[in-house]
Amino acid sequence: MLLNDSTYILGVFLLEESDILIRFAMCSDAVELQGLNELFNGKGCTSAENIKDFLGNNNQEIISVASDRGKIVGFCCGQVFRSMCYTEKHGEITELYVLEEYRRKGIAKKLVFFIEAEFRKQGINGIHILTGNDNIEAQCFYRSCGYEDTDEVMLEKEI
């Protein structure tokens, strides 16, 4: 699904009346992505070298970035999952972050829609998103993108 105020060309969203470009992440984005990831997930989660290596050898994750005149201002990650128990693959949006000064401009939606378009190309028809119970802003945002609440419960265990 494409919105009226954007164009999708060869894996890139161009936002009209804006210099924001939504595209796949590249190895050359590693340093900027590492900085954004630190703002989102905290310091020390990963390194620019690890991100660059990951992007160069990535077979499991779709990563979209929002670029404003060459500066990365947001990113979204989507994982593709397969199971022996099911014929169809499913997708999960695992990370979404946009710099504060770029929020409420439709960029996060475009990042999500970019991932959704790539999922569709891969034959994925269902997408999951996990977010915190207290993260009301994220829940409202995802609902505005067409996602619905489910009755599933997520459990965790450290080993």
N, C-alpha and C. Protein backbone atom coordinates (compact mmCIF):
# COMPACT_ATOMS: atom_id res chain seq x y z
N MET A 1 0.85 -1.18 0.00
CA MET A 1 0.00 0.00 0.00
C MET A 1 0.88 1.24 0.00
N LEU A 2 0.68 2.11 -0.93
CA LEU A 2 1.44 3.34 -1.00
C LEU A 2 0.51 4.51 -0.70
N LEU A 3 1.06 5.48 -0.01
CA LEU A 3 0.28 6.67 0.29
C LEU A 3 0.33 7.63 -0.89
N ASN A 4 -0.65 8.50 -0.99
CA ASN A 4 -0.72 9.44 -2.11
C ASN A 4 0.44 10.41 -2.15
N ASP A 5 1.07 10.68 -1.00
CA ASP A 5 2.12 11.69 -0.96
C ASP A 5 3.52 11.08 -1.10
N SER A 6 3.61 9.88 -1.68
CA SER A 6 4.93 9.29 -1.87
C SER A 6 4.97 8.51 -3.18
N THR A 7 6.17 8.26 -3.61
CA THR A 7 6.41 7.47 -4.81
C THR A 7 7.37 6.35 -4.43
N TYR A 8 7.11 5.14 -4.92
CA TYR A 8 7.98 4.01 -4.65
C TYR A 8 8.68 3.64 -5.94
N ILE A 9 10.00 3.80 -5.98
CA ILE A 9 10.76 3.51 -7.19
C ILE A 9 11.97 2.67 -6.81
N LEU A 10 12.06 1.46 -7.36
CA LEU A 10 13.25 0.63 -7.20
C LEU A 10 13.74 0.56 -5.75
N GLY A 11 12.86 0.26 -4.83
CA GLY A 11 13.26 0.11 -3.44
C GLY A 11 13.50 1.41 -2.71
N VAL A 12 12.93 2.51 -3.18
CA VAL A 12 13.13 3.80 -2.53
C VAL A 12 11.79 4.53 -2.47
N PHE A 13 11.48 5.09 -1.31
CA PHE A 13 10.33 5.99 -1.17
C PHE A 13 10.85 7.41 -1.27
N LEU A 14 10.25 8.22 -2.10
CA LEU A 14 10.56 9.63 -2.16
C LEU A 14 9.36 10.37 -1.58
N LEU A 15 9.57 11.16 -0.56
CA LEU A 15 8.48 11.92 0.04
C LEU A 15 8.34 13.24 -0.70
N GLU A 16 7.14 13.49 -1.22
CA GLU A 16 6.92 14.73 -1.93
C GLU A 16 7.06 15.92 -0.99
N GLU A 17 7.48 17.05 -1.55
CA GLU A 17 7.66 18.28 -0.79
C GLU A 17 8.61 18.06 0.39
N SER A 18 9.61 17.21 0.19
CA SER A 18 10.54 16.89 1.27
C SER A 18 11.83 16.38 0.65
N ASP A 19 12.90 16.51 1.39
CA ASP A 19 14.17 15.94 0.96
C ASP A 19 14.43 14.60 1.63
N ILE A 20 13.41 14.02 2.26
CA ILE A 20 13.55 12.74 2.95
C ILE A 20 13.47 11.62 1.93
N LEU A 21 14.43 10.73 1.99
CA LEU A 21 14.51 9.56 1.12
C LEU A 21 14.46 8.32 1.99
N ILE A 22 13.58 7.38 1.67
CA ILE A 22 13.50 6.11 2.40
C ILE A 22 14.09 5.05 1.47
N ARG A 23 15.08 4.31 1.98
CA ARG A 23 15.79 3.33 1.15
C ARG A 23 16.34 2.21 2.03
N PHE A 24 16.91 1.20 1.37
CA PHE A 24 17.59 0.13 2.10
C PHE A 24 18.86 0.69 2.73
N ALA A 25 19.21 0.15 3.90
CA ALA A 25 20.47 0.51 4.55
C ALA A 25 21.63 -0.07 3.75
N MET A 26 22.76 0.65 3.77
CA MET A 26 23.97 0.21 3.08
C MET A 26 25.12 0.18 4.08
N CYS A 27 26.18 -0.54 3.74
CA CYS A 27 27.35 -0.62 4.61
C CYS A 27 27.89 0.76 4.98
N SER A 28 27.80 1.69 4.05
CA SER A 28 28.31 3.04 4.30
C SER A 28 27.49 3.80 5.35
N ASP A 29 26.34 3.27 5.73
CA ASP A 29 25.49 3.90 6.76
C ASP A 29 25.85 3.46 8.17
N ALA A 30 26.81 2.56 8.32
CA ALA A 30 27.07 1.91 9.60
C ALA A 30 27.35 2.88 10.75
N VAL A 31 28.18 3.88 10.54
CA VAL A 31 28.52 4.80 11.63
C VAL A 31 27.29 5.57 12.09
N GLU A 32 26.51 6.08 11.13
CA GLU A 32 25.31 6.82 11.50
C GLU A 32 24.27 5.91 12.16
N LEU A 33 24.12 4.69 11.65
CA LEU A 33 23.18 3.75 12.27
C LEU A 33 23.60 3.40 13.69
N GLN A 34 24.88 3.27 13.92
CA GLN A 34 25.37 2.97 15.27
C GLN A 34 25.02 4.12 16.22
N GLY A 35 25.16 5.36 15.75
CA GLY A 35 24.80 6.51 16.58
C GLY A 35 23.31 6.56 16.88
N LEU A 36 22.48 6.29 15.89
CA LEU A 36 21.03 6.26 16.11
C LEU A 36 20.65 5.11 17.04
N ASN A 37 21.28 3.95 16.86
CA ASN A 37 21.00 2.81 17.71
C ASN A 37 21.35 3.10 19.17
N GLU A 38 22.44 3.84 19.40
CA GLU A 38 22.79 4.22 20.78
C GLU A 38 21.73 5.12 21.38
N LEU A 39 21.19 6.04 20.60
CA LEU A 39 20.12 6.90 21.10
C LEU A 39 18.87 6.08 21.43
N PHE A 40 18.62 5.04 20.65
CA PHE A 40 17.42 4.22 20.80
C PHE A 40 17.59 3.13 21.85
N ASN A 41 18.65 2.37 21.76
CA ASN A 41 18.83 1.18 22.61
C ASN A 41 19.89 1.34 23.70
N GLY A 42 20.60 2.46 23.72
CA GLY A 42 21.61 2.69 24.72
C GLY A 42 23.02 2.40 24.20
N LYS A 43 23.99 2.94 24.90
CA LYS A 43 25.39 2.79 24.49
C LYS A 43 25.86 1.35 24.68
N GLY A 44 26.75 0.95 23.81
CA GLY A 44 27.40 -0.35 23.95
C GLY A 44 26.64 -1.54 23.41
N CYS A 45 25.48 -1.34 22.77
CA CYS A 45 24.71 -2.46 22.23
C CYS A 45 25.42 -3.13 21.06
N THR A 46 26.07 -2.32 20.26
CA THR A 46 26.78 -2.82 19.08
C THR A 46 27.81 -1.77 18.67
N SER A 47 28.56 -2.07 17.65
CA SER A 47 29.56 -1.14 17.15
C SER A 47 29.31 -0.86 15.67
N ALA A 48 29.91 0.20 15.17
CA ALA A 48 29.79 0.51 13.75
C ALA A 48 30.40 -0.62 12.92
N GLU A 49 31.49 -1.20 13.40
CA GLU A 49 32.12 -2.31 12.68
C GLU A 49 31.18 -3.51 12.60
N ASN A 50 30.50 -3.81 13.69
CA ASN A 50 29.55 -4.92 13.71
C ASN A 50 28.39 -4.65 12.75
N ILE A 51 27.88 -3.43 12.75
CA ILE A 51 26.78 -3.07 11.85
C ILE A 51 27.23 -3.19 10.40
N LYS A 52 28.41 -2.67 10.09
CA LYS A 52 28.92 -2.75 8.72
C LYS A 52 29.07 -4.20 8.29
N ASP A 53 29.64 -5.03 9.16
CA ASP A 53 29.79 -6.45 8.84
C ASP A 53 28.44 -7.11 8.65
N PHE A 54 27.49 -6.78 9.53
CA PHE A 54 26.14 -7.35 9.44
C PHE A 54 25.49 -6.97 8.12
N LEU A 55 25.55 -5.68 7.77
CA LEU A 55 24.91 -5.22 6.53
C LEU A 55 25.55 -5.87 5.30
N GLY A 56 26.83 -6.16 5.37
CA GLY A 56 27.52 -6.79 4.26
C GLY A 56 27.25 -8.27 4.11
N ASN A 57 26.76 -8.89 5.18
CA ASN A 57 26.53 -10.35 5.19
C ASN A 57 25.12 -10.69 5.66
N ASN A 58 24.18 -9.84 5.39
CA ASN A 58 22.83 -9.96 5.94
C ASN A 58 21.93 -10.79 5.02
N ASN A 59 21.38 -11.86 5.59
CA ASN A 59 20.42 -12.68 4.84
C ASN A 59 19.09 -12.82 5.57
N GLN A 60 18.92 -12.13 6.69
CA GLN A 60 17.73 -12.36 7.49
C GLN A 60 16.95 -11.11 7.85
N GLU A 61 17.53 -9.95 7.68
CA GLU A 61 16.87 -8.75 8.16
C GLU A 61 16.76 -7.72 7.03
N ILE A 62 15.62 -7.05 6.98
CA ILE A 62 15.40 -5.95 6.05
C ILE A 62 15.55 -4.68 6.88
N ILE A 63 16.39 -3.77 6.43
CA ILE A 63 16.63 -2.54 7.18
C ILE A 63 16.39 -1.36 6.25
N SER A 64 15.45 -0.51 6.63
CA SER A 64 15.19 0.70 5.87
C SER A 64 15.72 1.89 6.67
N VAL A 65 16.17 2.91 5.93
CA VAL A 65 16.64 4.12 6.57
C VAL A 65 15.95 5.32 5.95
N ALA A 66 15.81 6.37 6.75
CA ALA A 66 15.32 7.66 6.27
C ALA A 66 16.52 8.58 6.22
N SER A 67 16.70 9.21 5.06
CA SER A 67 17.85 10.08 4.85
C SER A 67 17.37 11.47 4.48
N ASP A 68 17.90 12.48 5.18
CA ASP A 68 17.60 13.88 4.87
C ASP A 68 18.86 14.52 4.33
N ARG A 69 18.89 14.71 3.03
CA ARG A 69 20.06 15.29 2.35
C ARG A 69 21.35 14.56 2.74
N GLY A 70 21.26 13.24 2.78
CA GLY A 70 22.43 12.43 3.06
C GLY A 70 22.63 12.06 4.51
N LYS A 71 21.91 12.67 5.43
CA LYS A 71 22.03 12.37 6.87
C LYS A 71 20.95 11.36 7.25
N ILE A 72 21.35 10.25 7.88
CA ILE A 72 20.39 9.23 8.31
C ILE A 72 19.67 9.76 9.55
N VAL A 73 18.32 9.82 9.49
CA VAL A 73 17.54 10.39 10.58
C VAL A 73 16.59 9.37 11.21
N GLY A 74 16.56 8.15 10.67
CA GLY A 74 15.71 7.11 11.24
C GLY A 74 15.97 5.78 10.57
N PHE A 75 15.51 4.72 11.24
CA PHE A 75 15.66 3.39 10.67
C PHE A 75 14.54 2.48 11.16
N CYS A 76 14.31 1.41 10.40
CA CYS A 76 13.34 0.39 10.76
C CYS A 76 13.91 -0.96 10.35
N CYS A 77 13.75 -1.96 11.21
CA CYS A 77 14.26 -3.30 10.94
C CYS A 77 13.11 -4.30 10.92
N GLY A 78 13.17 -5.19 9.96
CA GLY A 78 12.17 -6.25 9.85
C GLY A 78 12.85 -7.60 9.67
N GLN A 79 12.41 -8.58 10.42
CA GLN A 79 12.97 -9.94 10.35
C GLN A 79 12.01 -10.84 9.60
N VAL A 80 12.58 -11.74 8.82
CA VAL A 80 11.80 -12.75 8.11
C VAL A 80 11.98 -14.07 8.85
N PHE A 81 10.86 -14.73 9.19
CA PHE A 81 10.90 -15.98 9.94
C PHE A 81 10.25 -17.11 9.17
N ARG A 82 10.87 -18.27 9.24
CA ARG A 82 10.30 -19.49 8.67
C ARG A 82 10.29 -20.54 9.77
N SER A 83 9.36 -21.46 9.65
CA SER A 83 9.26 -22.55 10.62
C SER A 83 8.88 -23.82 9.87
N MET A 84 9.38 -24.94 10.35
CA MET A 84 9.00 -26.23 9.76
C MET A 84 7.52 -26.52 9.99
N CYS A 85 6.92 -25.83 10.95
CA CYS A 85 5.52 -26.09 11.31
C CYS A 85 4.52 -25.41 10.39
N TYR A 86 4.99 -24.45 9.60
CA TYR A 86 4.08 -23.68 8.75
C TYR A 86 4.66 -23.54 7.35
N THR A 87 3.80 -23.52 6.37
CA THR A 87 4.22 -23.34 4.99
C THR A 87 4.66 -21.91 4.73
N GLU A 88 3.93 -20.96 5.29
CA GLU A 88 4.18 -19.56 5.00
C GLU A 88 5.20 -18.95 5.95
N LYS A 89 5.98 -18.02 5.41
CA LYS A 89 6.89 -17.22 6.23
C LYS A 89 6.08 -16.11 6.90
N HIS A 90 6.62 -15.56 7.97
CA HIS A 90 5.99 -14.38 8.55
C HIS A 90 7.08 -13.35 8.85
N GLY A 91 6.66 -12.13 9.01
CA GLY A 91 7.58 -11.05 9.27
C GLY A 91 7.35 -10.45 10.64
N GLU A 92 8.39 -9.80 11.13
CA GLU A 92 8.28 -9.09 12.39
C GLU A 92 9.06 -7.79 12.29
N ILE A 93 8.41 -6.70 12.62
CA ILE A 93 9.11 -5.42 12.73
C ILE A 93 9.70 -5.39 14.12
N THR A 94 11.02 -5.28 14.18
CA THR A 94 11.71 -5.43 15.47
C THR A 94 12.22 -4.12 16.04
N GLU A 95 12.51 -3.16 15.19
CA GLU A 95 13.07 -1.89 15.66
C GLU A 95 12.53 -0.76 14.79
N LEU A 96 12.27 0.37 15.40
CA LEU A 96 11.86 1.57 14.66
C LEU A 96 12.30 2.78 15.48
N TYR A 97 13.08 3.63 14.85
CA TYR A 97 13.54 4.84 15.54
C TYR A 97 13.69 5.98 14.55
N VAL A 98 13.20 7.16 14.95
CA VAL A 98 13.35 8.39 14.19
C VAL A 98 13.81 9.47 15.16
N LEU A 99 14.81 10.25 14.75
CA LEU A 99 15.28 11.34 15.60
C LEU A 99 14.11 12.24 15.99
N GLU A 100 14.16 12.74 17.21
CA GLU A 100 13.08 13.55 17.78
C GLU A 100 12.64 14.68 16.85
N GLU A 101 13.59 15.41 16.30
CA GLU A 101 13.24 16.58 15.47
C GLU A 101 12.61 16.20 14.13
N TYR A 102 12.61 14.91 13.77
CA TYR A 102 12.01 14.46 12.52
C TYR A 102 10.69 13.71 12.75
N ARG A 103 10.27 13.63 13.98
CA ARG A 103 9.02 12.91 14.27
C ARG A 103 7.80 13.73 13.89
N ARG A 104 6.69 13.01 13.74
CA ARG A 104 5.39 13.60 13.39
C ARG A 104 5.39 14.24 12.01
N LYS A 105 6.21 13.67 11.12
CA LYS A 105 6.28 14.15 9.74
C LYS A 105 5.99 13.03 8.75
N GLY A 106 5.54 11.88 9.26
CA GLY A 106 5.22 10.75 8.39
C GLY A 106 6.39 9.86 8.06
N ILE A 107 7.56 10.15 8.60
CA ILE A 107 8.76 9.38 8.28
C ILE A 107 8.67 7.96 8.84
N ALA A 108 8.24 7.81 10.07
CA ALA A 108 8.14 6.47 10.67
C ALA A 108 7.19 5.59 9.87
N LYS A 109 6.06 6.15 9.45
CA LYS A 109 5.12 5.38 8.63
C LYS A 109 5.76 4.95 7.33
N LYS A 110 6.50 5.83 6.70
CA LYS A 110 7.16 5.48 5.44
C LYS A 110 8.20 4.39 5.66
N LEU A 111 8.92 4.43 6.77
CA LEU A 111 9.88 3.37 7.08
C LEU A 111 9.17 2.03 7.24
N VAL A 112 8.06 2.03 7.95
CA VAL A 112 7.28 0.80 8.15
C VAL A 112 6.71 0.31 6.82
N PHE A 113 6.14 1.21 6.03
CA PHE A 113 5.55 0.82 4.75
C PHE A 113 6.61 0.27 3.79
N PHE A 114 7.81 0.79 3.87
CA PHE A 114 8.91 0.29 3.05
C PHE A 114 9.21 -1.17 3.41
N ILE A 115 9.27 -1.46 4.72
CA ILE A 115 9.50 -2.84 5.17
C ILE A 115 8.33 -3.72 4.74
N GLU A 116 7.11 -3.24 4.90
CA GLU A 116 5.93 -4.01 4.49
C GLU A 116 5.99 -4.35 3.00
N ALA A 117 6.38 -3.39 2.17
CA ALA A 117 6.46 -3.63 0.72
C ALA A 117 7.48 -4.71 0.41
N GLU A 118 8.59 -4.69 1.11
CA GLU A 118 9.61 -5.72 0.90
C GLU A 118 9.12 -7.09 1.39
N PHE A 119 8.42 -7.12 2.52
CA PHE A 119 7.82 -8.37 3.00
C PHE A 119 6.89 -8.94 1.93
N ARG A 120 6.03 -8.09 1.37
CA ARG A 120 5.09 -8.55 0.33
C ARG A 120 5.84 -9.15 -0.85
N LYS A 121 6.94 -8.52 -1.26
CA LYS A 121 7.75 -9.04 -2.38
C LYS A 121 8.26 -10.44 -2.06
N GLN A 122 8.49 -10.72 -0.78
CA GLN A 122 9.00 -12.02 -0.37
C GLN A 122 7.89 -13.01 -0.05
N GLY A 123 6.65 -12.64 -0.33
CA GLY A 123 5.52 -13.54 -0.12
C GLY A 123 5.02 -13.61 1.30
N ILE A 124 5.36 -12.64 2.10
CA ILE A 124 4.93 -12.61 3.50
C ILE A 124 3.61 -11.85 3.60
N ASN A 125 2.63 -12.47 4.23
CA ASN A 125 1.30 -11.86 4.34
C ASN A 125 0.95 -11.42 5.76
N GLY A 126 1.73 -11.83 6.75
CA GLY A 126 1.44 -11.48 8.14
C GLY A 126 2.67 -10.92 8.83
N ILE A 127 2.46 -9.86 9.61
CA ILE A 127 3.56 -9.20 10.31
C ILE A 127 3.21 -9.06 11.78
N HIS A 128 4.17 -9.36 12.64
CA HIS A 128 4.03 -9.17 14.08
C HIS A 128 4.88 -7.97 14.52
N ILE A 129 4.42 -7.32 15.57
CA ILE A 129 5.20 -6.26 16.21
C ILE A 129 5.07 -6.44 17.71
N LEU A 130 6.20 -6.41 18.41
CA LEU A 130 6.19 -6.47 19.87
C LEU A 130 6.63 -5.10 20.39
N THR A 131 5.88 -4.58 21.34
CA THR A 131 6.26 -3.34 21.99
C THR A 131 5.84 -3.42 23.44
N GLY A 132 6.40 -2.59 24.26
CA GLY A 132 6.13 -2.63 25.69
C GLY A 132 4.68 -2.29 26.03
N ASN A 133 4.18 -2.90 27.10
CA ASN A 133 2.82 -2.60 27.57
C ASN A 133 2.65 -1.12 27.89
N ASP A 134 3.71 -0.48 28.37
CA ASP A 134 3.64 0.92 28.76
C ASP A 134 3.95 1.88 27.62
N ASN A 135 4.35 1.36 26.47
CA ASN A 135 4.71 2.21 25.35
C ASN A 135 3.46 2.56 24.54
N ILE A 136 2.62 3.38 25.15
CA ILE A 136 1.34 3.75 24.56
C ILE A 136 1.53 4.50 23.24
N GLU A 137 2.54 5.35 23.16
CA GLU A 137 2.79 6.11 21.93
C GLU A 137 3.07 5.17 20.76
N ALA A 138 3.91 4.16 20.98
CA ALA A 138 4.22 3.19 19.92
C ALA A 138 2.98 2.39 19.55
N GLN A 139 2.21 1.98 20.55
CA GLN A 139 1.00 1.22 20.27
C GLN A 139 0.03 2.02 19.40
N CYS A 140 -0.16 3.29 19.75
CA CYS A 140 -1.05 4.15 18.95
C CYS A 140 -0.51 4.32 17.54
N PHE A 141 0.81 4.50 17.42
CA PHE A 141 1.41 4.65 16.10
C PHE A 141 1.16 3.41 15.25
N TYR A 142 1.45 2.22 15.79
CA TYR A 142 1.27 0.99 15.00
C TYR A 142 -0.21 0.77 14.65
N ARG A 143 -1.11 1.10 15.55
CA ARG A 143 -2.53 1.00 15.21
C ARG A 143 -2.87 1.93 14.05
N SER A 144 -2.26 3.13 14.02
CA SER A 144 -2.52 4.07 12.93
C SER A 144 -1.98 3.55 11.60
N CYS A 145 -1.08 2.57 11.65
CA CYS A 145 -0.55 1.91 10.44
C CYS A 145 -1.37 0.69 10.06
N GLY A 146 -2.44 0.41 10.82
CA GLY A 146 -3.32 -0.71 10.49
C GLY A 146 -3.09 -1.96 11.31
N TYR A 147 -2.19 -1.93 12.27
CA TYR A 147 -1.94 -3.10 13.11
C TYR A 147 -3.00 -3.18 14.21
N GLU A 148 -3.33 -4.40 14.60
CA GLU A 148 -4.37 -4.63 15.59
C GLU A 148 -3.80 -5.37 16.80
N ASP A 149 -4.39 -5.12 17.95
CA ASP A 149 -4.00 -5.83 19.17
C ASP A 149 -4.35 -7.30 19.03
N THR A 150 -3.54 -8.16 19.66
CA THR A 150 -3.82 -9.59 19.69
C THR A 150 -3.90 -10.05 21.14
N ASP A 151 -4.30 -11.28 21.32
CA ASP A 151 -4.38 -11.87 22.66
C ASP A 151 -3.11 -12.64 23.03
N GLU A 152 -2.10 -12.57 22.19
CA GLU A 152 -0.87 -13.31 22.48
C GLU A 152 -0.11 -12.68 23.62
N VAL A 153 0.61 -13.51 24.35
CA VAL A 153 1.43 -13.07 25.47
C VAL A 153 2.87 -13.41 25.15
N MET A 154 3.77 -12.49 25.39
CA MET A 154 5.18 -12.75 25.18
C MET A 154 5.81 -13.10 26.53
N LEU A 155 6.57 -14.17 26.55
CA LEU A 155 7.30 -14.60 27.75
C LEU A 155 8.78 -14.57 27.42
N GLU A 156 9.61 -14.34 28.42
CA GLU A 156 11.05 -14.27 28.23
C GLU A 156 11.76 -15.05 29.31
N LYS A 157 12.97 -15.48 28.99
CA LYS A 157 13.80 -16.14 29.96
C LYS A 157 15.26 -15.92 29.58
N GLU A 158 16.07 -15.49 30.52
CA GLU A 158 17.50 -15.37 30.28
C GLU A 158 18.15 -16.68 30.60
N ILE A 159 19.07 -17.09 29.74
CA ILE A 159 19.78 -18.36 29.98
C ILE A 159 21.28 -18.16 29.94
